[in-house]
Amino acid sequence: LGWLSGTLILGALWSSLACATLGEPETSITAEPQLSR
């Protein structure tokens, strides 16, 4: 359960790195500091 919880948290953090926003200007993607990785 600890391993599963850690995996889910890690997955949520990694998936939140994405900043492609539908309907928004593309400039938002290059301005996102979280995408440096």
PDB file of all heavy atoms in Angstrom:
ATOM      1  N   LEU A   1       0.827  -1.203   0.000  1.00  0.00           N
ATOM      2  CA  LEU A   1       0.000   0.000   0.000  1.00  0.00           C
ATOM      3  C   LEU A   1       0.863   1.257   0.000  1.00  0.00           C
ATOM      4  O   LEU A   1       0.549   2.238  -0.672  1.00  0.00           O
ATOM      5  CB  LEU A   1      -0.961  -0.001   1.190  1.00  0.00           C
ATOM      6  CG  LEU A   1      -2.114  -0.995   1.105  1.00  0.00           C
ATOM      7  CD1 LEU A   1      -2.902  -1.003   2.399  1.00  0.00           C
ATOM      8  CD2 LEU A   1      -3.008  -0.673  -0.061  1.00  0.00           C
ATOM      9  N   GLY A   2       1.952   1.239   0.753  1.00  0.00           N
ATOM     10  CA  GLY A   2       2.874   2.374   0.763  1.00  0.00           C
ATOM     11  C   GLY A   2       3.493   2.597  -0.599  1.00  0.00           C
ATOM     12  O   GLY A   2       3.597   3.725  -1.086  1.00  0.00           O
ATOM     13  N   TRP A   3       3.898   1.509  -1.259  1.00  0.00           N
ATOM     14  CA  TRP A   3       4.475   1.616  -2.593  1.00  0.00           C
ATOM     15  C   TRP A   3       3.443   2.155  -3.576  1.00  0.00           C
ATOM     16  O   TRP A   3       3.730   3.038  -4.378  1.00  0.00           O
ATOM     17  CB  TRP A   3       4.966   0.242  -3.048  1.00  0.00           C
ATOM     18  CG  TRP A   3       5.517   0.251  -4.429  1.00  0.00           C
ATOM     19  CD1 TRP A   3       6.778   0.587  -4.817  1.00  0.00           C
ATOM     20  CD2 TRP A   3       4.816  -0.068  -5.638  1.00  0.00           C
ATOM     21  NE1 TRP A   3       6.902   0.484  -6.176  1.00  0.00           N
ATOM     22  CE2 TRP A   3       5.698   0.087  -6.705  1.00  0.00           C
ATOM     23  CE3 TRP A   3       3.513  -0.467  -5.899  1.00  0.00           C
ATOM     24  CZ2 TRP A   3       5.336  -0.143  -8.015  1.00  0.00           C
ATOM     25  CZ3 TRP A   3       3.148  -0.701  -7.215  1.00  0.00           C
ATOM     26  CH2 TRP A   3       4.068  -0.533  -8.248  1.00  0.00           C
ATOM     27  N   LEU A   4       2.211   1.643  -3.509  1.00  0.00           N
ATOM     28  CA  LEU A   4       1.157   2.092  -4.399  1.00  0.00           C
ATOM     29  C   LEU A   4       0.843   3.568  -4.174  1.00  0.00           C
ATOM     30  O   LEU A   4       0.717   4.337  -5.124  1.00  0.00           O
ATOM     31  CB  LEU A   4      -0.102   1.249  -4.206  1.00  0.00           C
ATOM     32  CG  LEU A   4      -1.301   1.601  -5.080  1.00  0.00           C
ATOM     33  CD1 LEU A   4      -0.935   1.446  -6.548  1.00  0.00           C
ATOM     34  CD2 LEU A   4      -2.480   0.713  -4.736  1.00  0.00           C
ATOM     35  N   SER A   5       0.755   3.996  -2.919  1.00  0.00           N
ATOM     36  CA  SER A   5       0.496   5.407  -2.611  1.00  0.00           C
ATOM     37  C   SER A   5       1.604   6.287  -3.167  1.00  0.00           C
ATOM     38  O   SER A   5       1.345   7.326  -3.772  1.00  0.00           O
ATOM     39  CB  SER A   5       0.385   5.619  -1.102  1.00  0.00           C
ATOM     40  OG  SER A   5      -0.680   4.890  -0.589  1.00  0.00           O
ATOM     41  N   GLY A   6       2.845   5.871  -2.972  1.00  0.00           N
ATOM     42  CA  GLY A   6       3.982   6.639  -3.487  1.00  0.00           C
ATOM     43  C   GLY A   6       3.958   6.733  -4.996  1.00  0.00           C
ATOM     44  O   GLY A   6       4.224   7.779  -5.580  1.00  0.00           O
ATOM     45  N   THR A   7       3.607   5.637  -5.658  1.00  0.00           N
ATOM     46  CA  THR A   7       3.531   5.628  -7.112  1.00  0.00           C
ATOM     47  C   THR A   7       2.449   6.568  -7.608  1.00  0.00           C
ATOM     48  O   THR A   7       2.646   7.324  -8.554  1.00  0.00           O
ATOM     49  CB  THR A   7       3.251   4.196  -7.617  1.00  0.00           C
ATOM     50  OG1 THR A   7       4.302   3.344  -7.165  1.00  0.00           O
ATOM     51  CG2 THR A   7       3.180   4.140  -9.125  1.00  0.00           C
ATOM     52  N   LEU A   8       1.282   6.558  -6.955  1.00  0.00           N
ATOM     53  CA  LEU A   8       0.195   7.449  -7.368  1.00  0.00           C
ATOM     54  C   LEU A   8       0.563   8.917  -7.172  1.00  0.00           C
ATOM     55  O   LEU A   8       0.266   9.754  -8.013  1.00  0.00           O
ATOM     56  CB  LEU A   8      -1.083   7.105  -6.609  1.00  0.00           C
ATOM     57  CG  LEU A   8      -1.711   5.757  -6.962  1.00  0.00           C
ATOM     58  CD1 LEU A   8      -2.879   5.458  -6.040  1.00  0.00           C
ATOM     59  CD2 LEU A   8      -2.137   5.732  -8.409  1.00  0.00           C
ATOM     60  N   ILE A   9       1.203   9.230  -6.064  1.00  0.00           N
ATOM     61  CA  ILE A   9       1.618  10.613  -5.810  1.00  0.00           C
ATOM     62  C   ILE A   9       2.650  11.050  -6.836  1.00  0.00           C
ATOM     63  O   ILE A   9       2.563  12.140  -7.405  1.00  0.00           O
ATOM     64  CB  ILE A   9       2.155  10.762  -4.367  1.00  0.00           C
ATOM     65  CG1 ILE A   9       1.016  10.623  -3.376  1.00  0.00           C
ATOM     66  CG2 ILE A   9       2.879  12.096  -4.191  1.00  0.00           C
ATOM     67  CD1 ILE A   9       1.456  10.481  -1.932  1.00  0.00           C
ATOM     68  N   LEU A  10       3.621  10.194  -7.113  1.00  0.00           N
ATOM     69  CA  LEU A  10       4.646  10.515  -8.097  1.00  0.00           C
ATOM     70  C   LEU A  10       4.025  10.715  -9.470  1.00  0.00           C
ATOM     71  O   LEU A  10       4.369  11.655 -10.184  1.00  0.00           O
ATOM     72  CB  LEU A  10       5.693   9.391  -8.129  1.00  0.00           C
ATOM     73  CG  LEU A  10       6.913   9.609  -8.987  1.00  0.00           C
ATOM     74  CD1 LEU A  10       7.671  10.845  -8.526  1.00  0.00           C
ATOM     75  CD2 LEU A  10       7.814   8.388  -8.921  1.00  0.00           C
ATOM     76  N   GLY A  11       3.079   9.856  -9.828  1.00  0.00           N
ATOM     77  CA  GLY A  11       2.398  10.000 -11.110  1.00  0.00           C
ATOM     78  C   GLY A  11       1.638  11.303 -11.203  1.00  0.00           C
ATOM     79  O   GLY A  11       1.645  11.964 -12.235  1.00  0.00           O
ATOM     80  N   ALA A  12       0.981  11.689 -10.133  1.00  0.00           N
ATOM     81  CA  ALA A  12       0.241  12.959 -10.130  1.00  0.00           C
ATOM     82  C   ALA A  12       1.186  14.138 -10.288  1.00  0.00           C
ATOM     83  O   ALA A  12       0.887  15.091 -11.013  1.00  0.00           O
ATOM     84  CB  ALA A  12      -0.564  13.096  -8.842  1.00  0.00           C
ATOM     85  N   LEU A  13       2.327  14.090  -9.637  1.00  0.00           N
ATOM     86  CA  LEU A  13       3.299  15.179  -9.769  1.00  0.00           C
ATOM     87  C   LEU A  13       3.854  15.258 -11.182  1.00  0.00           C
ATOM     88  O   LEU A  13       3.962  16.333 -11.763  1.00  0.00           O
ATOM     89  CB  LEU A  13       4.445  14.997  -8.769  1.00  0.00           C
ATOM     90  CG  LEU A  13       4.102  15.210  -7.311  1.00  0.00           C
ATOM     91  CD1 LEU A  13       5.290  14.836  -6.429  1.00  0.00           C
ATOM     92  CD2 LEU A  13       3.676  16.636  -7.064  1.00  0.00           C
ATOM     93  N   TRP A  14       4.226  14.116 -11.751  1.00  0.00           N
ATOM     94  CA  TRP A  14       4.755  14.120 -13.100  1.00  0.00           C
ATOM     95  C   TRP A  14       3.719  14.564 -14.105  1.00  0.00           C
ATOM     96  O   TRP A  14       4.008  15.309 -15.022  1.00  0.00           O
ATOM     97  CB  TRP A  14       5.264  12.746 -13.481  1.00  0.00           C
ATOM     98  CG  TRP A  14       6.679  12.525 -13.113  1.00  0.00           C
ATOM     99  CD1 TRP A  14       7.632  13.463 -12.869  1.00  0.00           C
ATOM    100  CD2 TRP A  14       7.323  11.275 -12.909  1.00  0.00           C
ATOM    101  NE1 TRP A  14       8.817  12.864 -12.536  1.00  0.00           N
ATOM    102  CE2 TRP A  14       8.655  11.523 -12.545  1.00  0.00           C
ATOM    103  CE3 TRP A  14       6.892   9.967 -12.990  1.00  0.00           C
ATOM    104  CZ2 TRP A  14       9.556  10.514 -12.299  1.00  0.00           C
ATOM    105  CZ3 TRP A  14       7.793   8.963 -12.737  1.00  0.00           C
ATOM    106  CH2 TRP A  14       9.110   9.239 -12.398  1.00  0.00           C
ATOM    107  N   SER A  15       2.491  14.109 -13.956  1.00  0.00           N
ATOM    108  CA  SER A  15       1.481  14.474 -14.931  1.00  0.00           C
ATOM    109  C   SER A  15       1.125  15.953 -14.838  1.00  0.00           C
ATOM    110  O   SER A  15       0.668  16.536 -15.803  1.00  0.00           O
ATOM    111  CB  SER A  15       0.225  13.617 -14.747  1.00  0.00           C
ATOM    112  OG  SER A  15      -0.394  13.901 -13.519  1.00  0.00           O
ATOM    113  N   SER A  16       1.348  16.578 -13.691  1.00  0.00           N
ATOM    114  CA  SER A  16       1.024  17.996 -13.569  1.00  0.00           C
ATOM    115  C   SER A  16       2.067  18.885 -14.220  1.00  0.00           C
ATOM    116  O   SER A  16       1.898  20.093 -14.284  1.00  0.00           O
ATOM    117  CB  SER A  16       0.867  18.384 -12.097  1.00  0.00           C
ATOM    118  OG  SER A  16       2.108  18.326 -11.447  1.00  0.00           O
ATOM    119  N   LEU A  17       3.145  18.311 -14.735  1.00  0.00           N
ATOM    120  CA  LEU A  17       4.151  19.113 -15.409  1.00  0.00           C
ATOM    121  C   LEU A  17       3.655  19.653 -16.738  1.00  0.00           C
ATOM    122  O   LEU A  17       4.169  20.625 -17.249  1.00  0.00           O
ATOM    123  CB  LEU A  17       5.418  18.277 -15.650  1.00  0.00           C
ATOM    124  CG  LEU A  17       6.197  17.874 -14.425  1.00  0.00           C
ATOM    125  CD1 LEU A  17       7.335  16.949 -14.822  1.00  0.00           C
ATOM    126  CD2 LEU A  17       6.714  19.069 -13.682  1.00  0.00           C
ATOM    127  N   ALA A  18       2.675  18.996 -17.329  1.00  0.00           N
ATOM    128  CA  ALA A  18       2.202  19.401 -18.639  1.00  0.00           C
ATOM    129  C   ALA A  18       1.441  20.711 -18.559  1.00  0.00           C
ATOM    130  O   ALA A  18       0.700  20.946 -17.636  1.00  0.00           O
ATOM    131  CB  ALA A  18       1.292  18.331 -19.213  1.00  0.00           C
ATOM    132  N   CYS A  19       1.627  21.557 -19.552  1.00  0.00           N
ATOM    133  CA  CYS A  19       0.956  22.854 -19.534  1.00  0.00           C
ATOM    134  C   CYS A  19       0.347  23.187 -20.880  1.00  0.00           C
ATOM    135  O   CYS A  19       0.217  24.324 -21.226  1.00  0.00           O
ATOM    136  CB  CYS A  19       1.943  23.930 -19.100  1.00  0.00           C
ATOM    137  SG  CYS A  19       1.157  25.518 -18.818  1.00  0.00           S
ATOM    138  N   ALA A  20       0.032  22.188 -21.671  1.00  0.00           N
ATOM    139  CA  ALA A  20      -0.621  22.426 -22.935  1.00  0.00           C
ATOM    140  C   ALA A  20      -2.093  22.670 -22.640  1.00  0.00           C
ATOM    141  O   ALA A  20      -2.782  21.781 -22.188  1.00  0.00           O
ATOM    142  CB  ALA A  20      -0.449  21.217 -23.841  1.00  0.00           C
ATOM    143  N   THR A  21      -2.569  23.883 -22.853  1.00  0.00           N
ATOM    144  CA  THR A  21      -3.945  24.229 -22.488  1.00  0.00           C
ATOM    145  C   THR A  21      -4.779  24.472 -23.739  1.00  0.00           C
ATOM    146  O   THR A  21      -4.471  25.355 -24.539  1.00  0.00           O
ATOM    147  CB  THR A  21      -3.967  25.455 -21.569  1.00  0.00           C
ATOM    148  OG1 THR A  21      -3.137  25.185 -20.435  1.00  0.00           O
ATOM    149  CG2 THR A  21      -5.359  25.763 -21.104  1.00  0.00           C
ATOM    150  N   LEU A  22      -5.834  23.698 -23.884  1.00  0.00           N
ATOM    151  CA  LEU A  22      -6.720  23.762 -25.032  1.00  0.00           C
ATOM    152  C   LEU A  22      -7.378  25.134 -25.134  1.00  0.00           C
ATOM    153  O   LEU A  22      -7.913  25.651 -24.152  1.00  0.00           O
ATOM    154  CB  LEU A  22      -7.779  22.669 -24.873  1.00  0.00           C
ATOM    155  CG  LEU A  22      -8.559  22.258 -26.096  1.00  0.00           C
ATOM    156  CD1 LEU A  22      -7.649  21.739 -27.191  1.00  0.00           C
ATOM    157  CD2 LEU A  22      -9.578  21.191 -25.719  1.00  0.00           C
ATOM    158  N   GLY A  23      -7.324  25.734 -26.328  1.00  0.00           N
ATOM    159  CA  GLY A  23      -7.949  27.024 -26.572  1.00  0.00           C
ATOM    160  C   GLY A  23      -7.121  28.220 -26.158  1.00  0.00           C
ATOM    161  O   GLY A  23      -7.494  29.360 -26.425  1.00  0.00           O
ATOM    162  N   GLU A  24      -5.982  28.003 -25.512  1.00  0.00           N
ATOM    163  CA  GLU A  24      -5.123  29.088 -25.026  1.00  0.00           C
ATOM    164  C   GLU A  24      -4.003  29.378 -26.033  1.00  0.00           C
ATOM    165  O   GLU A  24      -3.687  28.544 -26.874  1.00  0.00           O
ATOM    166  CB  GLU A  24      -4.491  28.695 -23.692  1.00  0.00           C
ATOM    167  CG  GLU A  24      -5.482  28.416 -22.593  1.00  0.00           C
ATOM    168  CD  GLU A  24      -6.029  29.675 -21.962  1.00  0.00           C
ATOM    169  OE1 GLU A  24      -5.268  30.655 -21.845  1.00  0.00           O
ATOM    170  OE2 GLU A  24      -7.203  29.679 -21.591  1.00  0.00           O
ATOM    171  N   PRO A  25      -3.357  30.539 -25.904  1.00  0.00           N
ATOM    172  CA  PRO A  25      -2.205  30.835 -26.767  1.00  0.00           C
ATOM    173  C   PRO A  25      -1.032  29.903 -26.477  1.00  0.00           C
ATOM    174  O   PRO A  25      -0.841  29.478 -25.342  1.00  0.00           O
ATOM    175  CB  PRO A  25      -1.833  32.276 -26.410  1.00  0.00           C
ATOM    176  CG  PRO A  25      -3.001  32.829 -25.679  1.00  0.00           C
ATOM    177  CD  PRO A  25      -3.725  31.663 -25.070  1.00  0.00           C
ATOM    178  N   GLU A  26      -0.252  29.598 -27.499  1.00  0.00           N
ATOM    179  CA  GLU A  26       0.886  28.692 -27.339  1.00  0.00           C
ATOM    180  C   GLU A  26       1.981  29.272 -26.466  1.00  0.00           C
ATOM    181  O   GLU A  26       2.795  28.531 -25.933  1.00  0.00           O
ATOM    182  CB  GLU A  26       1.473  28.305 -28.693  1.00  0.00           C
ATOM    183  CG  GLU A  26       2.251  29.419 -29.361  1.00  0.00           C
ATOM    184  CD  GLU A  26       2.873  28.996 -30.667  1.00  0.00           C
ATOM    185  OE1 GLU A  26       3.566  27.956 -30.717  1.00  0.00           O
ATOM    186  OE2 GLU A  26       2.659  29.706 -31.650  1.00  0.00           O
ATOM    187  N   THR A  27       2.018  30.568 -26.260  1.00  0.00           N
ATOM    188  CA  THR A  27       3.081  31.178 -25.458  1.00  0.00           C
ATOM    189  C   THR A  27       3.064  30.675 -24.025  1.00  0.00           C
ATOM    190  O   THR A  27       4.080  30.709 -23.351  1.00  0.00           O
ATOM    191  CB  THR A  27       2.961  32.713 -25.452  1.00  0.00           C
ATOM    192  OG1 THR A  27       1.650  33.058 -25.014  1.00  0.00           O
ATOM    193  CG2 THR A  27       3.230  33.285 -26.823  1.00  0.00           C
ATOM    194  N   SER A  28       1.923  30.152 -23.575  1.00  0.00           N
ATOM    195  CA  SER A  28       1.845  29.659 -22.200  1.00  0.00           C
ATOM    196  C   SER A  28       2.766  28.456 -21.997  1.00  0.00           C
ATOM    197  O   SER A  28       3.245  28.218 -20.904  1.00  0.00           O
ATOM    198  CB  SER A  28       0.408  29.287 -21.844  1.00  0.00           C
ATOM    199  OG  SER A  28      -0.029  28.200 -22.634  1.00  0.00           O
ATOM    200  N   ILE A  29       3.044  27.698 -23.034  1.00  0.00           N
ATOM    201  CA  ILE A  29       3.871  26.505 -22.892  1.00  0.00           C
ATOM    202  C   ILE A  29       5.331  26.866 -22.653  1.00  0.00           C
ATOM    203  O   ILE A  29       6.010  26.249 -21.842  1.00  0.00           O
ATOM    204  CB  ILE A  29       3.723  25.579 -24.124  1.00  0.00           C
ATOM    205  CG1 ILE A  29       4.313  24.207 -23.829  1.00  0.00           C
ATOM    206  CG2 ILE A  29       4.383  26.113 -25.346  1.00  0.00           C
ATOM    207  CD1 ILE A  29       3.483  23.368 -22.961  1.00  0.00           C
ATOM    208  N   THR A  30       5.835  27.883 -23.325  1.00  0.00           N
ATOM    209  CA  THR A  30       7.243  28.236 -23.169  1.00  0.00           C
ATOM    210  C   THR A  30       7.492  29.026 -21.897  1.00  0.00           C
ATOM    211  O   THR A  30       8.614  29.082 -21.418  1.00  0.00           O
ATOM    212  CB  THR A  30       7.724  29.061 -24.379  1.00  0.00           C
ATOM    213  OG1 THR A  30       6.898  30.219 -24.507  1.00  0.00           O
ATOM    214  CG2 THR A  30       7.676  28.232 -25.652  1.00  0.00           C
ATOM    215  N   ALA A  31       6.456  29.606 -21.331  1.00  0.00           N
ATOM    216  CA  ALA A  31       6.615  30.397 -20.113  1.00  0.00           C
ATOM    217  C   ALA A  31       6.513  29.551 -18.853  1.00  0.00           C
ATOM    218  O   ALA A  31       6.713  30.062 -17.764  1.00  0.00           O
ATOM    219  CB  ALA A  31       5.553  31.498 -20.078  1.00  0.00           C
ATOM    220  N   GLU A  32       6.211  28.270 -18.985  1.00  0.00           N
ATOM    221  CA  GLU A  32       5.994  27.414 -17.824  1.00  0.00           C
ATOM    222  C   GLU A  32       7.317  26.880 -17.274  1.00  0.00           C
ATOM    223  O   GLU A  32       7.975  26.066 -17.911  1.00  0.00           O
ATOM    224  CB  GLU A  32       5.081  26.247 -18.218  1.00  0.00           C
ATOM    225  CG  GLU A  32       4.702  25.360 -17.083  1.00  0.00           C
ATOM    226  CD  GLU A  32       3.991  26.097 -15.970  1.00  0.00           C
ATOM    227  OE1 GLU A  32       3.078  26.881 -16.244  1.00  0.00           O
ATOM    228  OE2 GLU A  32       4.375  25.888 -14.815  1.00  0.00           O
ATOM    229  N   PRO A  33       7.739  27.325 -16.085  1.00  0.00           N
ATOM    230  CA  PRO A  33       9.020  26.876 -15.543  1.00  0.00           C
ATOM    231  C   PRO A  33       9.059  25.395 -15.193  1.00  0.00           C
ATOM    232  O   PRO A  33      10.114  24.788 -15.190  1.00  0.00           O
ATOM    233  CB  PRO A  33       9.197  27.733 -14.287  1.00  0.00           C
ATOM    234  CG  PRO A  33       7.834  28.187 -13.921  1.00  0.00           C
ATOM    235  CD  PRO A  33       7.049  28.249 -15.205  1.00  0.00           C
ATOM    236  N   GLN A  34       7.899  24.776 -14.922  1.00  0.00           N
ATOM    237  CA  GLN A  34       7.874  23.368 -14.564  1.00  0.00           C
ATOM    238  C   GLN A  34       8.279  22.467 -15.723  1.00  0.00           C
ATOM    239  O   GLN A  34       8.644  21.321 -15.533  1.00  0.00           O
ATOM    240  CB  GLN A  34       6.480  22.971 -14.092  1.00  0.00           C
ATOM    241  CG  GLN A  34       6.080  23.677 -12.823  1.00  0.00           C
ATOM    242  CD  GLN A  34       4.630  23.430 -12.493  1.00  0.00           C
ATOM    243  OE1 GLN A  34       3.830  23.104 -13.347  1.00  0.00           O
ATOM    244  NE2 GLN A  34       4.281  23.602 -11.239  1.00  0.00           N
ATOM    245  N   LEU A  35       8.212  22.985 -16.953  1.00  0.00           N
ATOM    246  CA  LEU A  35       8.559  22.166 -18.105  1.00  0.00           C
ATOM    247  C   LEU A  35      10.065  22.143 -18.363  1.00  0.00           C
ATOM    248  O   LEU A  35      10.508  21.569 -19.342  1.00  0.00           O
ATOM    249  CB  LEU A  35       7.821  22.661 -19.351  1.00  0.00           C
ATOM    250  CG  LEU A  35       6.352  22.296 -19.389  1.00  0.00           C
ATOM    251  CD1 LEU A  35       5.666  22.948 -20.572  1.00  0.00           C
ATOM    252  CD2 LEU A  35       6.158  20.807 -19.428  1.00  0.00           C
ATOM    253  N   SER A  36      10.846  22.742 -17.484  1.00  0.00           N
ATOM    254  CA  SER A  36      12.291  22.752 -17.684  1.00  0.00           C
ATOM    255  C   SER A  36      12.859  21.340 -17.661  1.00  0.00           C
ATOM    256  O   SER A  36      13.913  21.092 -18.234  1.00  0.00           O
ATOM    257  CB  SER A  36      12.970  23.616 -16.618  1.00  0.00           C
ATOM    258  OG  SER A  36      12.726  23.075 -15.334  1.00  0.00           O
ATOM    259  N   ARG A  37      12.151  20.387 -17.042  1.00  0.00           N
ATOM    260  CA  ARG A  37      12.608  19.005 -16.996  1.00  0.00           C
ATOM    261  C   ARG A  37      12.046  18.179 -18.152  1.00  0.00           C
ATOM    262  O   ARG A  37      12.398  17.024 -18.309  1.00  0.00           O
ATOM    263  CB  ARG A  37      12.205  18.372 -15.669  1.00  0.00           C
ATOM    264  CG  ARG A  37      12.929  19.022 -14.512  1.00  0.00           C
ATOM    265  CD  ARG A  37      12.541  18.480 -13.166  1.00  0.00           C
ATOM    266  NE  ARG A  37      12.256  17.052 -13.168  1.00  0.00           N
ATOM    267  CZ  ARG A  37      11.406  16.478 -12.339  1.00  0.00           C
ATOM    268  NH1 ARG A  37      10.756  17.212 -11.459  1.00  0.00           N
ATOM    269  NH2 ARG A  37      11.200  15.193 -12.379  1.00  0.00           N
TER     270      ARG A  37
END
